[in-house]
Amino acid sequence: AIASKRLRDWTARIESRGFLAVLYARIAPLMPFTL
């Protein structure tokens, strides 16, 4: 409800990649796991 257009666009891009987006986040160094 409050996200800007830029945030919504980034969210949509992450959603389109789904599995790969999460896998990249888990493999990338220094990414806070729980956050």
Full PDB file with SEQRES, HELIX, SHEET, SSBOND, CRYST1, ORIGX, SCALE, CONECT and MASTER records, all heavy atoms in Angstrom:
SEQRES   1 A   35  ALA ILE ALA SER LYS ARG LEU ARG ASP TRP THR ALA ARG          
SEQRES   2 A   35  ILE GLU SER ARG GLY PHE LEU ALA VAL LEU TYR ALA ARG          
SEQRES   3 A   35  ILE ALA PRO LEU MET PRO PHE THR LEU                          
HELIX    1 AA1 LYS A    5  ARG A   17  1                                  13    
HELIX    2 AA2 PHE A   19  ILE A   27  1                                   9    
CRYST1    1.000    1.000    1.000  90.00  90.00  90.00 P 1           1          
ORIGX1      1.000000  0.000000  0.000000        0.00000                         
ORIGX2      0.000000  1.000000  0.000000        0.00000                         
ORIGX3      0.000000  0.000000  1.000000        0.00000                         
SCALE1      1.000000  0.000000  0.000000        0.00000                         
SCALE2      0.000000  1.000000  0.000000        0.00000                         
SCALE3      0.000000  0.000000  1.000000        0.00000                         
ATOM      1  N   ALA A   1       0.816  -1.215   0.000  1.00  0.00           N  
ATOM      2  CA  ALA A   1       0.000   0.000   0.000  1.00  0.00           C  
ATOM      3  C   ALA A   1       0.847   1.260   0.000  1.00  0.00           C  
ATOM      4  O   ALA A   1       0.437   2.294  -0.550  1.00  0.00           O  
ATOM      5  CB  ALA A   1      -0.931  -0.004   1.211  1.00  0.00           C  
ATOM      6  N   ILE A   2       2.038   1.225   0.588  1.00  0.00           N  
ATOM      7  CA  ILE A   2       2.832   2.448   0.724  1.00  0.00           C  
ATOM      8  C   ILE A   2       4.127   2.421  -0.087  1.00  0.00           C  
ATOM      9  O   ILE A   2       4.822   3.434  -0.149  1.00  0.00           O  
ATOM     10  CB  ILE A   2       3.180   2.711   2.207  1.00  0.00           C  
ATOM     11  CG1 ILE A   2       4.110   1.620   2.737  1.00  0.00           C  
ATOM     12  CG2 ILE A   2       1.919   2.812   3.052  1.00  0.00           C  
ATOM     13  CD1 ILE A   2       4.627   1.905   4.137  1.00  0.00           C  
ATOM     14  N   ALA A   3       4.456   1.292  -0.721  1.00  0.00           N  
ATOM     15  CA  ALA A   3       5.715   1.190  -1.466  1.00  0.00           C  
ATOM     16  C   ALA A   3       5.708   2.130  -2.672  1.00  0.00           C  
ATOM     17  O   ALA A   3       4.683   2.309  -3.336  1.00  0.00           O  
ATOM     18  CB  ALA A   3       5.937  -0.243  -1.928  1.00  0.00           C  
ATOM     19  N   SER A   4       6.853   2.721  -2.940  1.00  0.00           N  
ATOM     20  CA  SER A   4       6.990   3.582  -4.113  1.00  0.00           C  
ATOM     21  C   SER A   4       6.992   2.733  -5.377  1.00  0.00           C  
ATOM     22  O   SER A   4       7.131   1.500  -5.332  1.00  0.00           O  
ATOM     23  CB  SER A   4       8.294   4.370  -4.022  1.00  0.00           C  
ATOM     24  OG  SER A   4       9.405   3.479  -4.083  1.00  0.00           O  
ATOM     25  N   LYS A   5       6.870   3.403  -6.529  1.00  0.00           N  
ATOM     26  CA  LYS A   5       6.875   2.670  -7.799  1.00  0.00           C  
ATOM     27  C   LYS A   5       8.187   1.928  -7.993  1.00  0.00           C  
ATOM     28  O   LYS A   5       8.210   0.796  -8.487  1.00  0.00           O  
ATOM     29  CB  LYS A   5       6.646   3.639  -8.962  1.00  0.00           C  
ATOM     30  CG  LYS A   5       6.566   2.930 -10.322  1.00  0.00           C  
ATOM     31  CD  LYS A   5       6.365   3.916 -11.451  1.00  0.00           C  
ATOM     32  CE  LYS A   5       6.196   3.176 -12.783  1.00  0.00           C  
ATOM     33  NZ  LYS A   5       7.374   2.318 -13.086  1.00  0.00           N  
ATOM     34  N   ARG A   6       9.288   2.539  -7.591  1.00  0.00           N  
ATOM     35  CA  ARG A   6      10.590   1.886  -7.738  1.00  0.00           C  
ATOM     36  C   ARG A   6      10.652   0.602  -6.913  1.00  0.00           C  
ATOM     37  O   ARG A   6      11.138  -0.427  -7.406  1.00  0.00           O  
ATOM     38  CB  ARG A   6      11.692   2.844  -7.307  1.00  0.00           C  
ATOM     39  CG  ARG A   6      13.101   2.292  -7.527  1.00  0.00           C  
ATOM     40  CD  ARG A   6      14.144   3.323  -7.169  1.00  0.00           C  
ATOM     41  NE  ARG A   6      15.483   2.819  -7.390  1.00  0.00           N  
ATOM     42  CZ  ARG A   6      16.589   3.497  -7.135  1.00  0.00           C  
ATOM     43  NH1 ARG A   6      16.498   4.737  -6.662  1.00  0.00           N  
ATOM     44  NH2 ARG A   6      17.774   2.965  -7.359  1.00  0.00           N  
ATOM     45  N   LEU A   7      10.171   0.661  -5.675  1.00  0.00           N  
ATOM     46  CA  LEU A   7      10.154  -0.533  -4.841  1.00  0.00           C  
ATOM     47  C   LEU A   7       9.237  -1.604  -5.426  1.00  0.00           C  
ATOM     48  O   LEU A   7       9.563  -2.793  -5.408  1.00  0.00           O  
ATOM     49  CB  LEU A   7       9.709  -0.181  -3.414  1.00  0.00           C  
ATOM     50  CG  LEU A   7      10.775   0.394  -2.485  1.00  0.00           C  
ATOM     51  CD1 LEU A   7      10.151   0.751  -1.144  1.00  0.00           C  
ATOM     52  CD2 LEU A   7      11.914  -0.598  -2.298  1.00  0.00           C  
ATOM     53  N   ARG A   8       8.083  -1.187  -5.934  1.00  0.00           N  
ATOM     54  CA  ARG A   8       7.168  -2.161  -6.535  1.00  0.00           C  
ATOM     55  C   ARG A   8       7.796  -2.812  -7.766  1.00  0.00           C  
ATOM     56  O   ARG A   8       7.614  -4.007  -8.000  1.00  0.00           O  
ATOM     57  CB  ARG A   8       5.847  -1.481  -6.899  1.00  0.00           C  
ATOM     58  CG  ARG A   8       5.013  -1.059  -5.692  1.00  0.00           C  
ATOM     59  CD  ARG A   8       3.569  -0.778  -6.094  1.00  0.00           C  
ATOM     60  NE  ARG A   8       3.484   0.307  -7.071  1.00  0.00           N  
ATOM     61  CZ  ARG A   8       3.361   1.586  -6.743  1.00  0.00           C  
ATOM     62  NH1 ARG A   8       3.322   1.957  -5.465  1.00  0.00           N  
ATOM     63  NH2 ARG A   8       3.283   2.523  -7.682  1.00  0.00           N  
ATOM     64  N   ASP A   9       8.545  -2.031  -8.534  1.00  0.00           N  
ATOM     65  CA  ASP A   9       9.216  -2.596  -9.705  1.00  0.00           C  
ATOM     66  C   ASP A   9      10.271  -3.614  -9.296  1.00  0.00           C  
ATOM     67  O   ASP A   9      10.380  -4.688  -9.900  1.00  0.00           O  
ATOM     68  CB  ASP A   9       9.862  -1.477 -10.536  1.00  0.00           C  
ATOM     69  CG  ASP A   9       8.830  -0.603 -11.246  1.00  0.00           C  
ATOM     70  OD1 ASP A   9       7.674  -1.047 -11.363  1.00  0.00           O  
ATOM     71  OD2 ASP A   9       9.190   0.515 -11.664  1.00  0.00           O  
ATOM     72  N   TRP A  10      11.053  -3.284  -8.274  1.00  0.00           N  
ATOM     73  CA  TRP A  10      12.061  -4.232  -7.790  1.00  0.00           C  
ATOM     74  C   TRP A  10      11.403  -5.484  -7.240  1.00  0.00           C  
ATOM     75  O   TRP A  10      11.884  -6.607  -7.460  1.00  0.00           O  
ATOM     76  CB  TRP A  10      12.929  -3.563  -6.719  1.00  0.00           C  
ATOM     77  CG  TRP A  10      14.100  -2.837  -7.287  1.00  0.00           C  
ATOM     78  CD1 TRP A  10      14.200  -1.505  -7.555  1.00  0.00           C  
ATOM     79  CD2 TRP A  10      15.347  -3.405  -7.702  1.00  0.00           C  
ATOM     80  NE1 TRP A  10      15.419  -1.204  -8.098  1.00  0.00           N  
ATOM     81  CE2 TRP A  10      16.151  -2.347  -8.198  1.00  0.00           C  
ATOM     82  CE3 TRP A  10      15.858  -4.690  -7.691  1.00  0.00           C  
ATOM     83  CZ2 TRP A  10      17.445  -2.557  -8.678  1.00  0.00           C  
ATOM     84  CZ3 TRP A  10      17.159  -4.899  -8.172  1.00  0.00           C  
ATOM     85  CH2 TRP A  10      17.918  -3.847  -8.657  1.00  0.00           C  
ATOM     86  N   THR A  11      10.307  -5.314  -6.535  1.00  0.00           N  
ATOM     87  CA  THR A  11       9.582  -6.477  -6.005  1.00  0.00           C  
ATOM     88  C   THR A  11       9.098  -7.363  -7.136  1.00  0.00           C  
ATOM     89  O   THR A  11       9.212  -8.592  -7.069  1.00  0.00           O  
ATOM     90  CB  THR A  11       8.393  -6.001  -5.153  1.00  0.00           C  
ATOM     91  OG1 THR A  11       8.870  -5.181  -4.078  1.00  0.00           O  
ATOM     92  CG2 THR A  11       7.647  -7.197  -4.571  1.00  0.00           C  
ATOM     93  N   ALA A  12       8.574  -6.753  -8.188  1.00  0.00           N  
ATOM     94  CA  ALA A  12       8.081  -7.529  -9.325  1.00  0.00           C  
ATOM     95  C   ALA A  12       9.216  -8.287 -10.008  1.00  0.00           C  
ATOM     96  O   ALA A  12       9.043  -9.441 -10.433  1.00  0.00           O  
ATOM     97  CB  ALA A  12       7.385  -6.605 -10.317  1.00  0.00           C  
ATOM     98  N   ARG A  13      10.378  -7.671 -10.104  1.00  0.00           N  
ATOM     99  CA  ARG A  13      11.515  -8.344 -10.728  1.00  0.00           C  
ATOM    100  C   ARG A  13      11.978  -9.534  -9.894  1.00  0.00           C  
ATOM    101  O   ARG A  13      12.335 -10.587 -10.443  1.00  0.00           O  
ATOM    102  CB  ARG A  13      12.667  -7.356 -10.932  1.00  0.00           C  
ATOM    103  CG  ARG A  13      12.333  -6.216 -11.879  1.00  0.00           C  
ATOM    104  CD  ARG A  13      13.510  -5.309 -12.106  1.00  0.00           C  
ATOM    105  NE  ARG A  13      14.530  -5.950 -12.952  1.00  0.00           N  
ATOM    106  CZ  ARG A  13      15.638  -5.326 -13.363  1.00  0.00           C  
ATOM    107  NH1 ARG A  13      15.849  -4.053 -13.013  1.00  0.00           N  
ATOM    108  NH2 ARG A  13      16.514  -5.941 -14.118  1.00  0.00           N  
ATOM    109  N   ILE A  14      11.980  -9.364  -8.587  1.00  0.00           N  
ATOM    110  CA  ILE A  14      12.356 -10.475  -7.711  1.00  0.00           C  
ATOM    111  C   ILE A  14      11.340 -11.605  -7.817  1.00  0.00           C  
ATOM    112  O   ILE A  14      11.692 -12.787  -7.890  1.00  0.00           O  
ATOM    113  CB  ILE A  14      12.478  -9.972  -6.258  1.00  0.00           C  
ATOM    114  CG1 ILE A  14      13.678  -9.031  -6.133  1.00  0.00           C  
ATOM    115  CG2 ILE A  14      12.607 -11.141  -5.284  1.00  0.00           C  
ATOM    116  CD1 ILE A  14      13.757  -8.318  -4.809  1.00  0.00           C  
ATOM    117  N   GLU A  15      10.071 -11.248  -7.857  1.00  0.00           N  
ATOM    118  CA  GLU A  15       9.021 -12.256  -7.976  1.00  0.00           C  
ATOM    119  C   GLU A  15       9.133 -13.020  -9.286  1.00  0.00           C  
ATOM    120  O   GLU A  15       8.893 -14.234  -9.333  1.00  0.00           O  
ATOM    121  CB  GLU A  15       7.651 -11.591  -7.864  1.00  0.00           C  
ATOM    122  CG  GLU A  15       7.321 -11.088  -6.473  1.00  0.00           C  
ATOM    123  CD  GLU A  15       6.054 -10.254  -6.442  1.00  0.00           C  
ATOM    124  OE1 GLU A  15       5.614  -9.787  -7.517  1.00  0.00           O  
ATOM    125  OE2 GLU A  15       5.509 -10.056  -5.341  1.00  0.00           O  
ATOM    126  N   SER A  16       9.507 -12.328 -10.360  1.00  0.00           N  
ATOM    127  CA  SER A  16       9.606 -12.990 -11.659  1.00  0.00           C  
ATOM    128  C   SER A  16      10.732 -14.015 -11.679  1.00  0.00           C  
ATOM    129  O   SER A  16      10.677 -14.986 -12.433  1.00  0.00           O  
ATOM    130  CB  SER A  16       9.816 -11.952 -12.766  1.00  0.00           C  
ATOM    131  OG  SER A  16      11.094 -11.337 -12.647  1.00  0.00           O  
ATOM    132  N   ARG A  17      11.756 -13.801 -10.853  1.00  0.00           N  
ATOM    133  CA  ARG A  17      12.873 -14.743 -10.791  1.00  0.00           C  
ATOM    134  C   ARG A  17      12.670 -15.815  -9.738  1.00  0.00           C  
ATOM    135  O   ARG A  17      13.274 -16.872  -9.825  1.00  0.00           O  
ATOM    136  CB  ARG A  17      14.177 -13.975 -10.539  1.00  0.00           C  
ATOM    137  CG  ARG A  17      14.628 -13.201 -11.774  1.00  0.00           C  
ATOM    138  CD  ARG A  17      15.645 -12.140 -11.423  1.00  0.00           C  
ATOM    139  NE  ARG A  17      16.195 -11.501 -12.616  1.00  0.00           N  
ATOM    140  CZ  ARG A  17      15.604 -10.538 -13.282  1.00  0.00           C  
ATOM    141  NH1 ARG A  17      14.430 -10.089 -12.878  1.00  0.00           N  
ATOM    142  NH2 ARG A  17      16.158 -10.013 -14.350  1.00  0.00           N  
ATOM    143  N   GLY A  18      11.848 -15.526  -8.747  1.00  0.00           N  
ATOM    144  CA  GLY A  18      11.439 -16.510  -7.757  1.00  0.00           C  
ATOM    145  C   GLY A  18      12.575 -17.299  -7.154  1.00  0.00           C  
ATOM    146  O   GLY A  18      13.385 -16.784  -6.373  1.00  0.00           O  
ATOM    147  N   PHE A  19      12.675 -18.569  -7.518  1.00  0.00           N  
ATOM    148  CA  PHE A  19      13.666 -19.495  -6.968  1.00  0.00           C  
ATOM    149  C   PHE A  19      15.079 -18.943  -7.108  1.00  0.00           C  
ATOM    150  O   PHE A  19      15.860 -18.955  -6.153  1.00  0.00           O  
ATOM    151  CB  PHE A  19      13.537 -20.844  -7.676  1.00  0.00           C  
ATOM    152  CG  PHE A  19      14.593 -21.843  -7.299  1.00  0.00           C  
ATOM    153  CD1 PHE A  19      14.401 -22.696  -6.227  1.00  0.00           C  
ATOM    154  CD2 PHE A  19      15.777 -21.936  -8.023  1.00  0.00           C  
ATOM    155  CE1 PHE A  19      15.383 -23.611  -5.871  1.00  0.00           C  
ATOM    156  CE2 PHE A  19      16.752 -22.846  -7.681  1.00  0.00           C  
ATOM    157  CZ  PHE A  19      16.555 -23.687  -6.602  1.00  0.00           C  
ATOM    158  N   LEU A  20      15.433 -18.461  -8.300  1.00  0.00           N  
ATOM    159  CA  LEU A  20      16.795 -17.978  -8.536  1.00  0.00           C  
ATOM    160  C   LEU A  20      17.112 -16.740  -7.703  1.00  0.00           C  
ATOM    161  O   LEU A  20      18.238 -16.587  -7.212  1.00  0.00           O  
ATOM    162  CB  LEU A  20      16.997 -17.670 -10.020  1.00  0.00           C  
ATOM    163  CG  LEU A  20      17.092 -18.886 -10.948  1.00  0.00           C  
ATOM    164  CD1 LEU A  20      17.237 -18.435 -12.395  1.00  0.00           C  
ATOM    165  CD2 LEU A  20      18.255 -19.778 -10.550  1.00  0.00           C  
ATOM    166  N   ALA A  21      16.131 -15.867  -7.517  1.00  0.00           N  
ATOM    167  CA  ALA A  21      16.364 -14.672  -6.707  1.00  0.00           C  
ATOM    168  C   ALA A  21      16.706 -15.047  -5.272  1.00  0.00           C  
ATOM    169  O   ALA A  21      17.626 -14.487  -4.666  1.00  0.00           O  
ATOM    170  CB  ALA A  21      15.132 -13.773  -6.745  1.00  0.00           C  
ATOM    171  N   VAL A  22      15.975 -16.013  -4.722  1.00  0.00           N  
ATOM    172  CA  VAL A  22      16.252 -16.453  -3.350  1.00  0.00           C  
ATOM    173  C   VAL A  22      17.594 -17.168  -3.280  1.00  0.00           C  
ATOM    174  O   VAL A  22      18.382 -16.955  -2.346  1.00  0.00           O  
ATOM    175  CB  VAL A  22      15.126 -17.377  -2.848  1.00  0.00           C  
ATOM    176  CG1 VAL A  22      15.439 -17.882  -1.438  1.00  0.00           C  
ATOM    177  CG2 VAL A  22      13.787 -16.647  -2.862  1.00  0.00           C  
ATOM    178  N   LEU A  23      17.874 -18.014  -4.277  1.00  0.00           N  
ATOM    179  CA  LEU A  23      19.145 -18.745  -4.284  1.00  0.00           C  
ATOM    180  C   LEU A  23      20.323 -17.779  -4.346  1.00  0.00           C  
ATOM    181  O   LEU A  23      21.316 -17.951  -3.619  1.00  0.00           O  
ATOM    182  CB  LEU A  23      19.179 -19.701  -5.480  1.00  0.00           C  
ATOM    183  CG  LEU A  23      20.403 -20.624  -5.568  1.00  0.00           C  
ATOM    184  CD1 LEU A  23      20.463 -21.549  -4.363  1.00  0.00           C  
ATOM    185  CD2 LEU A  23      20.371 -21.432  -6.866  1.00  0.00           C  
ATOM    186  N   TYR A  24      20.232 -16.753  -5.184  1.00  0.00           N  
ATOM    187  CA  TYR A  24      21.295 -15.753  -5.260  1.00  0.00           C  
ATOM    188  C   TYR A  24      21.486 -15.069  -3.907  1.00  0.00           C  
ATOM    189  O   TYR A  24      22.619 -14.831  -3.478  1.00  0.00           O  
ATOM    190  CB  TYR A  24      20.959 -14.693  -6.311  1.00  0.00           C  
ATOM    191  CG  TYR A  24      21.057 -15.172  -7.743  1.00  0.00           C  
ATOM    192  CD1 TYR A  24      20.474 -14.458  -8.780  1.00  0.00           C  
ATOM    193  CD2 TYR A  24      21.725 -16.349  -8.063  1.00  0.00           C  
ATOM    194  CE1 TYR A  24      20.558 -14.896 -10.099  1.00  0.00           C  
ATOM    195  CE2 TYR A  24      21.803 -16.789  -9.371  1.00  0.00           C  
ATOM    196  CZ  TYR A  24      21.217 -16.065 -10.385  1.00  0.00           C  
ATOM    197  OH  TYR A  24      21.297 -16.504 -11.673  1.00  0.00           O  
ATOM    198  N   ALA A  25      20.387 -14.734  -3.252  1.00  0.00           N  
ATOM    199  CA  ALA A  25      20.469 -14.053  -1.959  1.00  0.00           C  
ATOM    200  C   ALA A  25      21.138 -14.935  -0.912  1.00  0.00           C  
ATOM    201  O   ALA A  25      21.858 -14.444  -0.043  1.00  0.00           O  
ATOM    202  CB  ALA A  25      19.080 -13.644  -1.486  1.00  0.00           C  
ATOM    203  N   ARG A  26      20.914 -16.243  -0.982  1.00  0.00           N  
ATOM    204  CA  ARG A  26      21.522 -17.157  -0.008  1.00  0.00           C  
ATOM    205  C   ARG A  26      23.002 -17.386  -0.286  1.00  0.00           C  
ATOM    206  O   ARG A  26      23.782 -17.626   0.641  1.00  0.00           O  
ATOM    207  CB  ARG A  26      20.785 -18.509  -0.019  1.00  0.00           C  
ATOM    208  CG  ARG A  26      19.323 -18.441   0.397  1.00  0.00           C  
ATOM    209  CD  ARG A  26      19.102 -17.635   1.638  1.00  0.00           C  
ATOM    210  NE  ARG A  26      17.725 -17.706   2.115  1.00  0.00           N  
ATOM    211  CZ  ARG A  26      17.212 -16.891   3.018  1.00  0.00           C  
ATOM    212  NH1 ARG A  26      17.945 -15.925   3.530  1.00  0.00           N  
ATOM    213  NH2 ARG A  26      15.958 -17.026   3.419  1.00  0.00           N  
ATOM    214  N   ILE A  27      23.386 -17.330  -1.550  1.00  0.00           N  
ATOM    215  CA  ILE A  27      24.774 -17.565  -1.906  1.00  0.00           C  
ATOM    216  C   ILE A  27      25.620 -16.307  -1.735  1.00  0.00           C  
ATOM    217  O   ILE A  27      26.798 -16.379  -1.370  1.00  0.00           O  
ATOM    218  CB  ILE A  27      24.871 -18.080  -3.358  1.00  0.00           C  
ATOM    219  CG1 ILE A  27      24.226 -19.458  -3.463  1.00  0.00           C  
ATOM    220  CG2 ILE A  27      26.320 -18.143  -3.831  1.00  0.00           C  
ATOM    221  CD1 ILE A  27      24.167 -20.009  -4.869  1.00  0.00           C  
ATOM    222  N   ALA A  28      25.019 -15.147  -1.963  1.00  0.00           N  
ATOM    223  CA  ALA A  28      25.770 -13.883  -1.914  1.00  0.00           C  
ATOM    224  C   ALA A  28      26.370 -13.663  -0.524  1.00  0.00           C  
ATOM    225  O   ALA A  28      25.717 -13.910   0.489  1.00  0.00           O  
ATOM    226  CB  ALA A  28      24.855 -12.722  -2.270  1.00  0.00           C  
ATOM    227  N   PRO A  29      27.615 -13.204  -0.461  1.00  0.00           N  
ATOM    228  CA  PRO A  29      28.239 -12.959   0.849  1.00  0.00           C  
ATOM    229  C   PRO A  29      27.643 -11.734   1.535  1.00  0.00           C  
ATOM    230  O   PRO A  29      27.172 -10.810   0.879  1.00  0.00           O  
ATOM    231  CB  PRO A  29      29.711 -12.728   0.488  1.00  0.00           C  
ATOM    232  CG  PRO A  29      29.683 -12.224  -0.925  1.00  0.00           C  
ATOM    233  CD  PRO A  29      28.515 -12.920  -1.578  1.00  0.00           C  
ATOM    234  N   LEU A  30      27.663 -11.767   2.847  1.00  0.00           N  
ATOM    235  CA  LEU A  30      27.256 -10.642   3.689  1.00  0.00           C  
ATOM    236  C   LEU A  30      25.766 -10.308   3.609  1.00  0.00           C  
ATOM    237  O   LEU A  30      25.346  -9.282   4.131  1.00  0.00           O  
ATOM    238  CB  LEU A  30      28.071  -9.383   3.357  1.00  0.00           C  
ATOM    239  CG  LEU A  30      29.595  -9.524   3.460  1.00  0.00           C  
ATOM    240  CD1 LEU A  30      30.276  -8.215   3.094  1.00  0.00           C  
ATOM    241  CD2 LEU A  30      30.011  -9.975   4.846  1.00  0.00           C  
ATOM    242  N   MET A  31      24.978 -11.165   2.980  1.00  0.00           N  
ATOM    243  CA  MET A  31      23.536 -10.928   2.972  1.00  0.00           C  
ATOM    244  C   MET A  31      22.944 -11.407   4.300  1.00  0.00           C  
ATOM    245  O   MET A  31      23.135 -12.567   4.676  1.00  0.00           O  
ATOM    246  CB  MET A  31      22.879 -11.686   1.818  1.00  0.00           C  
ATOM    247  CG  MET A  31      23.127 -11.083   0.458  1.00  0.00           C  
ATOM    248  SD  MET A  31      22.298  -9.492   0.240  1.00  0.00           S  
ATOM    249  CE  MET A  31      20.599 -10.031   0.077  1.00  0.00           C  
ATOM    250  N   PRO A  32      22.250 -10.539   5.048  1.00  0.00           N  
ATOM    251  CA  PRO A  32      21.677 -10.949   6.333  1.00  0.00           C  
ATOM    252  C   PRO A  32      20.583 -11.997   6.131  1.00  0.00           C  
ATOM    253  O   PRO A  32      19.553 -11.711   5.527  1.00  0.00           O  
ATOM    254  CB  PRO A  32      21.129  -9.646   6.915  1.00  0.00           C  
ATOM    255  CG  PRO A  32      20.939  -8.750   5.728  1.00  0.00           C  
ATOM    256  CD  PRO A  32      21.971  -9.129   4.722  1.00  0.00           C  
ATOM    257  N   PHE A  33      20.802 -13.188   6.638  1.00  0.00           N  
ATOM    258  CA  PHE A  33      19.941 -14.331   6.334  1.00  0.00           C  
ATOM    259  C   PHE A  33      18.493 -14.086   6.747  1.00  0.00           C  
ATOM    260  O   PHE A  33      17.571 -14.205   5.934  1.00  0.00           O  
ATOM    261  CB  PHE A  33      20.494 -15.571   7.049  1.00  0.00           C  
ATOM    262  CG  PHE A  33      19.767 -16.844   6.723  1.00  0.00           C  
ATOM    263  CD1 PHE A  33      20.140 -17.608   5.638  1.00  0.00           C  
ATOM    264  CD2 PHE A  33      18.715 -17.285   7.509  1.00  0.00           C  
ATOM    265  CE1 PHE A  33      19.475 -18.789   5.326  1.00  0.00           C  
ATOM    266  CE2 PHE A  33      18.039 -18.459   7.221  1.00  0.00           C  
ATOM    267  CZ  PHE A  33      18.427 -19.216   6.123  1.00  0.00           C  
ATOM    268  N   THR A  34      18.281 -13.743   7.999  1.00  0.00           N  
ATOM    269  CA  THR A  34      16.912 -13.608   8.498  1.00  0.00           C  
ATOM    270  C   THR A  34      16.242 -12.364   7.943  1.00  0.00           C  
ATOM    271  O   THR A  34      15.051 -12.395   7.599  1.00  0.00           O  
ATOM    272  CB  THR A  34      16.902 -13.575  10.035  1.00  0.00           C  
ATOM    273  OG1 THR A  34      17.499 -14.778  10.531  1.00  0.00           O  
ATOM    274  CG2 THR A  34      15.479 -13.484  10.566  1.00  0.00           C  
ATOM    275  N   LEU A  35      16.973 -11.270   7.836  1.00  0.00           N  
ATOM    276  CA  LEU A  35      16.394 -10.043   7.287  1.00  0.00           C  
ATOM    277  C   LEU A  35      15.952 -10.262   5.841  1.00  0.00           C  
ATOM    278  O   LEU A  35      14.896  -9.763   5.420  1.00  0.00           O  
ATOM    279  CB  LEU A  35      17.407  -8.900   7.365  1.00  0.00           C  
ATOM    280  CG  LEU A  35      16.855  -7.498   7.133  1.00  0.00           C  
ATOM    281  CD1 LEU A  35      15.770  -7.163   8.147  1.00  0.00           C  
ATOM    282  CD2 LEU A  35      17.985  -6.475   7.206  1.00  0.00           C  
TER     283      LEU A  35                                                      
MASTER        0    0    0    2    0    0    0    6  282    1    0    3          
END                                                                             
